[in-house]
């Protein structure tokens, strides 16, 4: 059988757009000419958008996503051009749709003529529109449009401004976005619309093109490919579903996290173990040296044994030191941490199922900047995949989410069960480490106390001197070796973070028990969405805290 076709992971490049409501300065009654010119602008703008990947130096795995309002004029033209090119598009609104479409401008005229409003309402139902999001709650009109401009700019990798005869320099307008984008160092394509011999022409000018750097997915998932079905394999422009993308990344990241975890555990064991054993060798050598000094004629065989123990001690110390340095040089801990973080992020998005929400909780966490292109790509694929379910009954989506996150019959899904089990495991490991410390420390104290009592008896003459006696060597060895073993147990527990993990897992378990009850009792779609975001933010927040702890804690 032939292998399943595969493709590199896609990476989104978001194209923010703003344009003039009135592109042409035409006399009243020029409706037919207006429509003809708009069609020409739409066709030429589509050609410009189609050439963006080449102009920006994008690779084959990059894909575009448009971001704009849905205002009359240039925004509608941009939206139709995106649809023709099968570019997914996000719509940012300064206020809810019904209020936005009925808004009246400062001149007293409605923002939308009746036909333009119908066009906007119809376009918002089209398949390529993957999100409709209100981005402002300001009271005044100008501030709302300013908020919209800034959100478009914040989300975009590159900005396109289509400027016609009616472009104003007021607050929240296209000219303001153009200026703001240049001030913030964004790559901007400024397009001027001119009428030449009755034909609409576009005059493009790039700003900051040489400084543009295409977004790059994290190095930790470099080389990961998607397994595609026959339709996706035949059409390179077809994007994968979010489940396909997250499944591939999660599978790879989980395997890498497991591998690096095992490597770290072995390395920590080698570092601690070699130093403990080296201490044992050192104490035996000291005891043997004491015995040789007490002998009138040193035993040659004993000398060879001491030489062998010294060589073993040297080898153990060198091995532990080299393992410690190699582990830091290889940055295995960071690789482990980033792999686990990626696995949990993709597990989180997968658990959402068909819930159509903007993944704001991903962007609200204090995460490494190198992950930003991945988050944006996942967000776009999630919005695109779940858009058909945006109007599904929220109760069914809630029930599916509860199964995906709280099904205790499945250890891969039952988060409460998972954290309960982890609490038991970490508690047992912590108790064992503490018990080993207490036992070794107590025996060391007992050995030292015994040596003290025997030494007092010798000084008072109540115990005859016995240079060849074996017990002083044994007690001396135990008094040195056992404290080292006790400290080794603490170092191991610190390296594995048993106490910190126990506290974090217990807090998460209690949070989830309460959160599950809140989710089951939710009375509205909005409450359900907020609870989901809070749940996922807390679950990922625990992993993020662990990530930053792990990247700064070294091998003991």
Protein backbone atom coordinates (compact mmCIF):
# COMPACT_ATOMS: atom_id res chain seq x y z
CA UNK A 1 0.00 0.00 0.00
CA UNK A 2 1.22 3.50 -0.79
CA UNK A 3 1.96 5.88 2.05
CA UNK A 4 -0.61 8.55 2.96
CA UNK A 5 0.12 11.89 1.28
CA UNK A 6 1.57 14.50 3.61
CA UNK A 7 2.20 18.24 3.63
CA UNK A 8 4.14 20.67 5.78
CA UNK A 9 2.26 22.43 8.55
CA UNK A 10 0.59 25.63 7.30
CA UNK A 11 1.42 29.01 8.84
CA UNK A 12 -0.88 32.02 8.58
CA UNK A 13 0.05 35.51 7.40
CA UNK A 14 -2.71 37.92 8.40
CA UNK A 15 -3.45 40.81 6.04
CA UNK A 16 -5.16 43.76 7.68
CA UNK A 17 -7.20 45.99 5.38
CA UNK A 18 -8.79 49.41 5.48
CA UNK A 19 -10.15 51.47 2.65
CA UNK A 20 -12.21 54.49 1.69
CA UNK A 21 -15.96 54.31 1.85
CA UNK A 22 -16.07 56.53 -1.25
CA UNK A 23 -13.41 55.53 -3.76
CA UNK A 24 -14.49 57.75 -6.65
CA UNK A 25 -15.47 61.38 -6.94
CA UNK A 26 -18.42 60.93 -9.28
CA UNK A 27 -21.42 63.17 -9.92
CA UNK A 28 -24.82 62.18 -8.61
CA UNK A 29 -26.63 59.59 -10.69
CA UNK A 30 -23.50 57.78 -11.79
CA UNK A 31 -24.62 54.45 -10.37
CA UNK A 32 -23.77 52.34 -13.41
CA UNK A 33 -20.35 53.92 -13.76
CA UNK A 34 -19.80 53.45 -10.01
CA UNK A 35 -20.53 49.72 -10.23
CA UNK A 36 -18.32 49.30 -13.30
CA UNK A 37 -15.40 51.06 -11.62
CA UNK A 38 -15.87 49.01 -8.43
CA UNK A 39 -15.71 45.79 -10.47
CA UNK A 40 -12.46 46.99 -12.05
CA UNK A 41 -11.01 47.81 -8.60
CA UNK A 42 -12.13 44.43 -7.29
CA UNK A 43 -10.43 42.61 -10.16
CA UNK A 44 -7.17 44.57 -9.81
CA UNK A 45 -7.20 44.29 -6.03
CA UNK A 46 -7.64 40.54 -6.41
CA UNK A 47 -4.58 40.44 -8.64
CA UNK A 48 -2.64 42.41 -6.04
CA UNK A 49 -3.69 40.05 -3.25
CA UNK A 50 -2.79 37.04 -5.38
CA UNK A 51 0.73 38.43 -5.81
CA UNK A 52 1.22 39.13 -2.09
CA UNK A 53 2.90 35.76 -1.31
CA UNK A 54 5.55 36.46 -3.96
CA UNK A 55 5.98 40.11 -2.93
CA UNK A 56 6.37 39.15 0.72
CA UNK A 57 8.68 36.21 0.03
CA UNK A 58 6.35 33.65 1.56
CA UNK A 59 6.99 29.91 1.38
CA UNK A 60 4.59 27.31 0.05
CA UNK A 61 3.20 26.46 3.48
CA UNK A 62 2.15 30.05 4.23
CA UNK A 63 -1.46 31.08 3.63
CA UNK A 64 -3.24 34.41 3.85
CA UNK A 65 -6.11 35.48 6.08
CA UNK A 66 -7.79 38.85 5.64
CA UNK A 67 -8.92 41.13 8.47
CA UNK A 68 -11.21 44.09 7.86
CA UNK A 69 -14.46 45.77 8.69
CA UNK A 70 -17.44 45.32 6.40
CA UNK A 71 -18.07 49.00 5.65
CA UNK A 72 -19.52 50.16 2.35
CA UNK A 73 -17.04 50.87 -0.40
CA UNK A 74 -13.52 49.44 -0.18
CA UNK A 75 -14.26 46.93 2.59
CA UNK A 76 -16.95 45.21 0.54
CA UNK A 77 -14.62 45.14 -2.47
CA UNK A 78 -11.84 43.59 -0.38
CA UNK A 79 -14.24 40.99 1.01
CA UNK A 80 -15.43 39.96 -2.44
CA UNK A 81 -11.82 39.73 -3.65
CA UNK A 82 -10.95 37.48 -0.69
CA UNK A 83 -13.89 35.24 -1.52
CA UNK A 84 -12.81 34.89 -5.14
CA UNK A 85 -9.30 33.91 -4.03
CA UNK A 86 -10.60 31.59 -1.27
CA UNK A 87 -8.80 33.62 1.39
CA UNK A 88 -10.42 33.17 4.82
CA UNK A 89 -11.45 36.45 6.35
CA UNK A 90 -12.11 37.84 9.81
CA UNK A 91 -14.57 40.71 10.22
CA UNK A 92 -13.91 43.19 13.05
CA UNK A 93 -16.82 45.46 13.91
CA UNK A 94 -16.81 48.60 16.08
CA UNK A 95 -20.27 47.64 17.43
CA UNK A 96 -22.81 44.82 17.07
CA UNK A 97 -23.84 44.07 13.50
CA UNK A 98 -27.42 45.36 13.58
CA UNK A 99 -26.38 48.66 15.18
CA UNK A 100 -23.37 48.95 12.87
CA UNK A 101 -25.44 48.51 9.71
CA UNK A 102 -27.94 51.13 10.88
CA UNK A 103 -25.33 53.68 11.99
CA UNK A 104 -25.51 57.29 10.83
CA UNK A 105 -22.34 59.24 10.07
CA UNK A 106 -21.35 62.69 11.27
CA UNK A 107 -22.87 64.16 8.12
CA UNK A 108 -26.28 62.85 9.14
CA UNK A 109 -26.42 60.30 6.32
CA UNK A 110 -26.59 56.53 6.95
CA UNK A 111 -23.27 54.71 6.59
CA UNK A 112 -24.95 52.11 4.38
CA UNK A 113 -27.25 52.73 1.47
CA UNK A 114 -30.04 50.13 1.31
CA UNK A 115 -28.28 48.06 -1.35
CA UNK A 116 -24.91 48.24 0.41
CA UNK A 117 -26.53 47.04 3.62
CA UNK A 118 -28.10 44.08 1.84
CA UNK A 119 -24.72 43.28 0.27
CA UNK A 120 -23.01 43.38 3.66
CA UNK A 121 -25.63 41.17 5.33
CA UNK A 122 -25.39 38.64 2.52
CA UNK A 123 -21.59 38.59 2.43
CA UNK A 124 -21.42 37.96 6.18
CA UNK A 125 -23.13 34.62 5.56
CA UNK A 126 -20.55 33.47 3.00
CA UNK A 127 -18.32 30.52 3.72
CA UNK A 128 -14.99 32.35 3.65
CA UNK A 129 -16.04 34.61 6.55
CA UNK A 130 -14.67 32.67 9.51
CA UNK A 131 -15.26 35.21 12.28
CA UNK A 132 -17.43 38.19 13.10
CA UNK A 133 -16.17 39.95 16.19
CA UNK A 134 -17.05 43.19 17.98
CA UNK A 135 -13.80 44.78 19.14
CA UNK A 136 -14.94 47.97 20.88
CA UNK A 137 -17.27 48.99 23.67
CA UNK A 138 -16.55 52.73 23.48
CA UNK A 139 -19.38 55.23 23.77
CA UNK A 140 -18.52 57.61 20.92
CA UNK A 141 -18.31 56.79 17.24
CA UNK A 142 -14.77 58.03 16.55
CA UNK A 143 -13.27 56.03 19.40
CA UNK A 144 -15.05 52.88 18.24
CA UNK A 145 -13.48 53.17 14.79
CA UNK A 146 -10.10 53.93 16.35
CA UNK A 147 -10.40 50.76 18.44
CA UNK A 148 -11.25 48.80 15.32
CA UNK A 149 -8.24 50.16 13.43
CA UNK A 150 -5.90 49.34 16.29
CA UNK A 151 -7.21 45.82 16.66
CA UNK A 152 -6.83 45.19 12.93
CA UNK A 153 -3.28 46.54 13.16
CA UNK A 154 -2.45 44.48 16.26
CA UNK A 155 -3.56 41.23 14.68
CA UNK A 156 -1.99 41.79 11.26
CA UNK A 157 1.40 40.85 9.86
CA UNK A 158 0.99 43.22 6.91
CA UNK A 159 -1.49 46.03 6.22
CA UNK A 160 -3.14 47.02 2.93
CA UNK A 161 -4.73 50.46 2.62
CA UNK A 162 -6.92 51.25 -0.40
CA UNK A 163 -7.18 55.01 -0.71
CA UNK A 164 -9.59 56.74 -3.02
CA UNK A 165 -10.99 60.19 -3.61
CA UNK A 166 -13.14 60.10 -0.50
CA UNK A 167 -10.46 59.26 2.05
CA UNK A 168 -10.56 61.54 5.06
CA UNK A 169 -7.89 62.21 7.66
CA UNK A 170 -10.29 61.95 10.58
CA UNK A 171 -10.10 59.69 13.61
CA UNK A 172 -10.59 56.01 12.87
CA UNK A 173 -10.17 56.44 9.12
CA UNK A 174 -7.96 54.71 6.57
CA UNK A 175 -5.38 57.49 6.56
CA UNK A 176 -4.98 57.20 10.32
CA UNK A 177 -4.42 53.44 10.08
CA UNK A 178 -1.83 53.98 7.34
CA UNK A 179 0.08 56.47 9.50
CA UNK A 180 -0.19 54.35 12.63
CA UNK A 181 1.03 51.22 10.83
CA UNK A 182 4.11 53.04 9.53
CA UNK A 183 4.85 54.47 12.97
CA UNK A 184 4.75 50.98 14.49
CA UNK A 185 7.05 49.52 11.87
CA UNK A 186 4.47 47.38 10.09
CA UNK A 187 4.88 46.48 6.45
CA UNK A 188 2.22 48.45 4.57
CA UNK A 189 0.96 48.34 1.02
CA UNK A 190 -0.55 51.72 0.17
CA UNK A 191 -2.79 51.58 -2.92
CA UNK A 192 -4.09 54.76 -4.53
CA UNK A 193 -7.15 54.55 -6.77
CA UNK A 194 -7.07 56.83 -9.80
CA UNK A 195 -9.34 57.18 -12.83
CA UNK A 196 -7.49 57.23 -16.14
CA UNK A 197 -9.57 57.59 -19.31
CA UNK A 198 -12.63 56.24 -17.55
CA UNK A 199 -10.78 53.19 -16.18
CA UNK A 200 -9.91 52.52 -12.55
CA UNK A 201 -6.20 52.04 -11.95
CA UNK A 202 -4.39 51.04 -8.76
CA UNK A 203 -1.04 52.61 -7.88
CA UNK A 204 0.68 50.49 -5.22
CA UNK A 205 3.47 51.72 -2.93
CA UNK A 206 5.21 49.52 -0.41
CA UNK A 207 6.38 50.81 2.97
CA UNK A 208 8.81 48.71 5.01
CA UNK A 209 8.79 45.76 2.63
CA UNK A 210 12.50 45.03 3.11
CA UNK A 211 12.03 44.69 6.86
CA UNK A 212 9.23 42.14 6.55
CA UNK A 213 10.01 38.70 7.95
CA UNK A 214 7.51 35.91 7.28
CA UNK A 215 6.19 34.27 10.47
CA UNK A 216 7.89 31.01 11.39
CA UNK A 217 6.43 28.09 13.33
CA UNK A 218 8.39 27.00 16.43
CA UNK A 219 11.54 25.01 15.85
CA UNK A 220 10.18 22.33 18.20
CA UNK A 221 7.69 21.21 15.52
CA UNK A 222 9.99 21.68 12.57
CA UNK A 223 9.56 18.78 10.16
CA UNK A 224 6.09 17.78 11.38
CA UNK A 225 3.78 16.96 8.47
CA UNK A 226 0.04 16.51 8.07
CA UNK A 227 -1.54 13.31 6.91
CA UNK A 228 -4.02 14.35 4.22
CA UNK A 229 -7.05 12.84 2.60
CA UNK A 230 -7.34 12.53 -1.18
CA UNK A 231 -9.11 15.87 -1.67
CA UNK A 232 -6.56 17.82 0.37
CA UNK A 233 -3.72 16.04 -1.41
CA UNK A 234 -5.11 16.97 -4.81
CA UNK A 235 -5.57 20.65 -3.94
CA UNK A 236 -2.58 22.26 -2.25
CA UNK A 237 -4.71 25.32 -1.43
CA UNK A 238 -7.14 23.39 0.77
CA UNK A 239 -6.39 24.07 4.42
CA UNK A 240 -6.45 21.27 6.99
CA UNK A 241 -9.03 21.15 9.73
CA UNK A 242 -7.99 22.28 13.18
CA UNK A 243 -8.27 18.69 14.43
CA UNK A 244 -5.83 17.51 11.76
CA UNK A 245 -3.37 20.28 12.56
CA UNK A 246 -3.58 19.96 16.35
CA UNK A 247 -3.53 16.18 16.17
CA UNK A 248 -0.27 16.14 14.23
CA UNK A 249 1.40 18.72 16.51
CA UNK A 250 0.14 17.08 19.71
CA UNK A 251 1.30 13.63 18.68
CA UNK A 252 4.79 14.91 17.86
CA UNK A 253 5.05 17.18 20.90
CA UNK A 254 3.82 14.49 23.31
CA UNK A 255 6.38 12.01 22.01
CA UNK A 256 9.15 14.61 22.29
CA UNK A 257 8.05 15.63 25.80
CA UNK A 258 8.10 11.99 26.93
CA UNK A 259 11.53 11.44 25.42
CA UNK A 260 13.03 14.57 27.00
CA UNK A 261 11.39 13.77 30.35
CA UNK A 262 13.00 10.34 30.39
CA UNK A 263 16.33 11.87 29.36
CA UNK A 264 16.15 14.45 32.13
CA UNK A 265 15.21 11.83 34.75
CA UNK A 266 18.09 9.59 33.75
CA UNK A 267 20.51 12.52 33.67
CA UNK A 268 19.39 13.76 37.10
CA UNK A 269 19.75 10.24 38.47
CA UNK A 270 23.25 9.97 37.00
CA UNK A 271 24.32 13.34 38.43
CA UNK A 272 22.97 12.63 41.93
CA UNK A 273 23.91 8.96 41.92
CA UNK A 274 27.49 9.44 40.78
CA UNK A 275 28.17 12.05 43.45
CA UNK A 276 26.66 9.87 46.18
CA UNK A 277 28.69 6.85 45.07
CA UNK A 278 31.82 8.98 44.74
CA UNK A 279 31.34 10.08 48.35
CA UNK A 280 31.06 6.44 49.39
CA UNK A 281 34.31 5.65 47.60
CA UNK A 282 35.99 8.62 49.27
CA UNK A 283 34.96 7.50 52.76
CA UNK A 284 36.13 3.93 52.12
CA UNK A 285 39.49 5.27 50.90
CA UNK A 286 39.83 7.43 54.01
CA UNK A 287 39.07 4.43 56.21
CA UNK A 288 41.59 2.30 54.30
CA UNK A 289 44.23 5.03 54.61
CA UNK A 290 43.67 5.10 58.35
CA UNK A 291 44.10 1.34 58.51
CA UNK A 292 47.35 1.47 56.50
CA UNK A 293 48.79 4.16 58.75
CA UNK A 294 48.09 1.95 61.79
CA UNK A 295 49.85 -1.04 60.24
CA UNK A 296 53.60 -1.55 60.69
CA UNK A 297 53.91 -3.03 57.20
CA UNK A 298 51.41 -1.76 54.64
CA UNK A 299 49.62 -4.44 52.64
CA UNK A 300 50.39 -4.17 48.89
CA UNK A 301 47.02 -5.67 47.95
CA UNK A 302 45.25 -3.09 50.08
CA UNK A 303 47.16 -0.40 48.24
CA UNK A 304 45.83 -1.65 44.92
CA UNK A 305 42.29 -1.67 46.31
CA UNK A 306 42.69 1.94 47.40
CA UNK A 307 44.08 2.85 43.99
CA UNK A 308 41.07 1.20 42.33
CA UNK A 309 38.61 3.03 44.59
CA UNK A 310 40.31 6.35 43.85
CA UNK A 311 40.09 5.67 40.13
CA UNK A 312 36.39 4.78 40.51
CA UNK A 313 35.76 7.94 42.53
CA UNK A 314 37.46 10.02 39.83
CA UNK A 315 35.42 8.32 37.09
CA UNK A 316 32.14 8.85 38.96
CA UNK A 317 32.81 12.54 39.60
CA UNK A 318 33.89 13.11 36.01
CA UNK A 319 30.84 11.26 34.68
CA UNK A 320 28.44 13.30 36.84
CA UNK A 321 30.11 16.57 35.91
CA UNK A 322 30.12 15.83 32.18
CA UNK A 323 26.48 14.71 32.26
CA UNK A 324 25.53 17.94 34.04
CA UNK A 325 27.37 20.11 31.53
CA UNK A 326 26.11 18.15 28.53
CA UNK A 327 22.52 18.41 29.68
CA UNK A 328 22.78 22.17 29.98
CA UNK A 329 24.64 22.54 26.72
CA UNK A 330 22.05 20.42 24.89
CA UNK A 331 19.23 22.57 26.39
CA UNK A 332 17.27 19.40 26.98
CA UNK A 333 15.20 21.00 29.72
CA UNK A 334 13.92 23.78 27.45
CA UNK A 335 13.17 21.25 24.71
CA UNK A 336 11.24 19.16 27.23
CA UNK A 337 9.35 22.20 28.54
CA UNK A 338 8.42 23.59 25.12
CA UNK A 339 7.32 20.16 23.87
CA UNK A 340 5.03 19.60 26.82
CA UNK A 341 3.65 23.13 26.49
CA UNK A 342 2.88 22.56 22.80
CA UNK A 343 1.22 19.25 23.56
CA UNK A 344 -1.05 20.83 26.18
CA UNK A 345 -1.95 23.79 23.96
CA UNK A 346 -3.06 21.54 21.13
CA UNK A 347 -4.88 19.24 23.56
CA UNK A 348 -6.73 22.30 24.86
CA UNK A 349 -7.86 23.44 21.41
CA UNK A 350 -8.89 19.90 20.46
CA UNK A 351 -11.05 19.69 23.60
CA UNK A 352 -13.11 22.68 22.41
CA UNK A 353 -14.60 20.53 19.67
CA UNK A 354 -16.96 22.55 17.48
CA UNK A 355 -17.23 25.48 19.87
CA UNK A 356 -16.84 28.61 17.72
CA UNK A 357 -14.86 31.07 19.84
CA UNK A 358 -11.86 33.30 19.34
CA UNK A 359 -9.00 31.64 21.24
CA UNK A 360 -8.34 34.74 23.30
CA UNK A 361 -7.10 32.72 26.27
CA UNK A 362 -4.05 31.62 24.27
CA UNK A 363 -2.99 35.21 23.71
CA UNK A 364 -3.70 36.24 27.30
CA UNK A 365 -1.14 33.86 28.81
CA UNK A 366 2.49 34.83 29.35
CA UNK A 367 3.91 32.55 26.69
CA UNK A 368 7.16 32.63 24.69
CA UNK A 369 6.98 35.01 21.71
CA UNK A 370 8.31 32.31 19.42
CA UNK A 371 4.94 30.54 19.75
CA UNK A 372 2.92 33.51 18.45
CA UNK A 373 2.80 32.36 14.78
CA UNK A 374 1.58 28.95 15.94
CA UNK A 375 -1.18 30.47 18.09
CA UNK A 376 -2.39 32.67 15.25
CA UNK A 377 -2.41 29.72 12.86
CA UNK A 378 -4.34 27.51 15.29
CA UNK A 379 -6.79 30.33 15.94
CA UNK A 380 -7.51 30.82 12.24
CA UNK A 381 -7.89 27.08 11.61
CA UNK A 382 -10.16 26.75 14.64
CA UNK A 383 -12.38 29.66 13.55
CA UNK A 384 -12.52 28.27 10.03
CA UNK A 385 -13.34 24.73 11.13
CA UNK A 386 -15.99 25.73 13.67
CA UNK A 387 -17.71 28.53 11.73
CA UNK A 388 -20.38 26.14 10.34
CA UNK A 389 -21.34 25.31 13.94
CA UNK A 390 -21.57 28.92 15.14
CA UNK A 391 -25.35 28.74 15.47
CA UNK A 392 -25.58 25.22 16.89
CA UNK A 393 -27.47 24.86 20.21
CA UNK A 394 -24.96 25.76 22.90
CA UNK A 395 -26.26 23.06 25.23
CA UNK A 396 -25.07 20.34 22.85
CA UNK A 397 -21.66 22.01 22.57
CA UNK A 398 -21.46 22.22 26.36
CA UNK A 399 -22.24 18.53 26.75
CA UNK A 400 -19.56 17.67 24.19
CA UNK A 401 -17.04 19.86 26.01
CA UNK A 402 -17.82 18.21 29.33
CA UNK A 403 -17.15 14.83 27.74
CA UNK A 404 -13.90 16.06 26.13
CA UNK A 405 -12.57 17.56 29.36
CA UNK A 406 -14.31 15.86 32.30
CA UNK A 407 -15.11 12.29 31.23
CA UNK A 408 -13.59 10.34 34.13
CA UNK A 409 -14.13 7.02 32.36
CA UNK A 410 -11.39 7.99 29.89
CA UNK A 411 -8.01 8.77 31.51
CA UNK A 412 -7.06 10.86 28.46
CA UNK A 413 -10.05 13.18 28.94
CA UNK A 414 -10.96 13.12 32.63
CA UNK A 415 -9.01 16.10 33.95
CA UNK A 416 -10.31 15.73 37.52
CA UNK A 417 -9.33 12.07 37.53
CA UNK A 418 -5.96 12.93 35.99
CA UNK A 419 -5.08 15.55 38.62
CA UNK A 420 -6.39 13.32 41.42
CA UNK A 421 -4.14 10.49 40.27
CA UNK A 422 -1.21 12.83 39.85
CA UNK A 423 -1.72 14.14 43.38
CA UNK A 424 -1.51 10.59 44.74
CA UNK A 425 1.58 9.80 42.67
CA UNK A 426 3.45 12.98 43.58
CA UNK A 427 2.45 12.62 47.23
CA UNK A 428 3.83 9.08 47.37
CA UNK A 429 7.06 10.15 45.69
CA UNK A 430 7.45 13.11 48.04
CA UNK A 431 6.82 10.91 51.07
CA UNK A 432 9.41 8.41 49.85
CA UNK A 433 12.02 11.15 49.32
CA UNK A 434 11.30 12.62 52.76
CA UNK A 435 11.37 9.19 54.37
CA UNK A 436 14.73 8.46 52.76
CA UNK A 437 16.07 11.79 54.01
CA UNK A 438 14.81 11.20 57.55
CA UNK A 439 16.08 7.64 57.62
CA UNK A 440 19.54 8.49 56.32
CA UNK A 441 19.84 11.54 58.55
CA UNK A 442 18.71 9.58 61.61
CA UNK A 443 21.17 6.76 60.92
CA UNK A 444 23.95 9.31 60.36
CA UNK A 445 23.12 10.95 63.69
CA UNK A 446 23.08 7.54 65.35
CA UNK A 447 26.45 6.60 63.81
CA UNK A 448 28.00 9.91 64.87
CA UNK A 449 26.55 9.62 68.38
CA UNK A 450 27.92 6.09 68.68
CA UNK A 451 31.38 7.28 67.60
CA UNK A 452 31.14 10.08 70.17
CA UNK A 453 30.26 7.73 73.02
CA UNK A 454 32.96 5.23 72.09
CA UNK A 455 35.55 8.01 71.84
CA UNK A 456 34.62 9.24 75.34
CA UNK A 457 34.96 5.71 76.71
CA UNK A 458 38.39 5.42 75.08
CA UNK A 459 39.53 8.72 76.59
CA UNK A 460 38.41 7.63 80.06
CA UNK A 461 40.13 4.27 79.69
CA UNK A 462 36.92 2.28 80.00
CA UNK A 463 37.43 0.80 76.55
CA UNK A 464 40.72 -0.75 75.45
CA UNK A 465 42.38 0.73 72.36
CA UNK A 466 42.02 -1.56 69.33
CA UNK A 467 43.78 -0.06 66.25
CA UNK A 468 42.72 -2.99 64.12
CA UNK A 469 39.05 -2.68 65.13
CA UNK A 470 36.57 -2.58 62.27
CA UNK A 471 33.78 -0.58 63.89
CA UNK A 472 35.45 2.89 63.71
CA UNK A 473 35.85 2.54 59.96
CA UNK A 474 32.23 1.49 59.48
CA UNK A 475 30.85 4.24 61.69
CA UNK A 476 33.06 6.85 60.04
CA UNK A 477 31.96 5.76 56.59
CA UNK A 478 28.28 5.88 57.59
CA UNK A 479 28.66 9.28 59.23
CA UNK A 480 29.93 10.75 55.93
CA UNK A 481 27.99 8.71 53.37
CA UNK A 482 24.50 8.79 54.90
CA UNK A 483 24.20 12.61 55.04
CA UNK A 484 25.27 12.73 51.40
CA UNK A 485 22.57 10.19 50.52
CA UNK A 486 20.02 12.24 52.50
CA UNK A 487 20.94 15.42 50.62
CA UNK A 488 20.81 13.43 47.38
CA UNK A 489 17.21 12.46 48.15
CA UNK A 490 16.30 16.11 48.67
CA UNK A 491 18.10 17.14 45.49
CA UNK A 492 16.22 14.50 43.52
CA UNK A 493 12.87 15.64 44.96
CA UNK A 494 13.73 19.26 44.12
CA UNK A 495 14.79 18.36 40.58
CA UNK A 496 11.55 16.46 40.00
CA UNK A 497 9.51 19.23 41.73
CA UNK A 498 7.42 16.79 43.77
CA UNK A 499 6.20 19.37 46.28
CA UNK A 500 5.46 22.12 43.73
CA UNK A 501 3.68 19.69 41.44
CA UNK A 502 1.62 18.28 44.31
CA UNK A 503 0.44 21.73 45.33
CA UNK A 504 -0.33 22.75 41.73
CA UNK A 505 -2.18 19.51 40.96
CA UNK A 506 -4.25 19.72 44.15
CA UNK A 507 -5.23 23.33 43.45
CA UNK A 508 -6.17 22.43 39.86
CA UNK A 509 -8.20 19.43 41.00
CA UNK A 510 -10.25 21.57 43.40
CA UNK A 511 -10.74 24.28 40.74
CA UNK A 512 -11.97 21.76 38.17
CA UNK A 513 -14.42 20.16 40.59
CA UNK A 514 -16.05 23.56 41.11
CA UNK A 515 -15.80 24.49 37.43
CA UNK A 516 -17.50 21.30 36.27
CA UNK A 517 -20.48 22.12 38.47
CA UNK A 518 -20.63 25.68 37.08
CA UNK A 519 -20.51 24.39 33.50
CA UNK A 520 -23.36 21.97 34.11
CA UNK A 521 -25.47 24.76 35.58
CA UNK A 522 -24.70 27.38 32.90
CA UNK A 523 -27.86 29.16 31.73
CA UNK A 524 -26.65 30.94 28.59
CA UNK A 525 -24.24 30.63 25.70
CA UNK A 526 -22.25 33.62 26.95
CA UNK A 527 -21.84 32.16 30.43
CA UNK A 528 -20.75 28.84 28.90
CA UNK A 529 -18.17 30.54 26.67
CA UNK A 530 -16.71 32.51 29.58
CA UNK A 531 -16.49 29.37 31.73
CA UNK A 532 -14.75 27.48 28.94
CA UNK A 533 -12.19 30.24 28.48
CA UNK A 534 -11.61 30.37 32.23
CA UNK A 535 -11.18 26.60 32.39
CA UNK A 536 -8.72 26.40 29.51
CA UNK A 537 -6.83 29.46 30.74
CA UNK A 538 -6.31 27.83 34.14
CA UNK A 539 -5.36 24.46 32.70
CA UNK A 540 -2.81 26.02 30.38
CA UNK A 541 -1.72 28.47 33.07
CA UNK A 542 -0.55 25.55 35.23
CA UNK A 543 1.55 24.25 32.34
CA UNK A 544 2.93 27.74 31.61
CA UNK A 545 4.04 28.13 35.24
CA UNK A 546 5.72 24.73 35.04
CA UNK A 547 7.37 25.76 31.77
CA UNK A 548 9.02 28.82 33.29
CA UNK A 549 10.05 26.90 36.41
CA UNK A 550 11.56 24.14 34.33
CA UNK A 551 13.49 26.44 32.01
CA UNK A 552 15.33 28.06 34.94
CA UNK A 553 15.82 25.06 37.26
CA UNK A 554 18.96 23.09 36.54
CA UNK A 555 19.95 19.53 37.17
CA UNK A 556 21.01 19.19 40.87
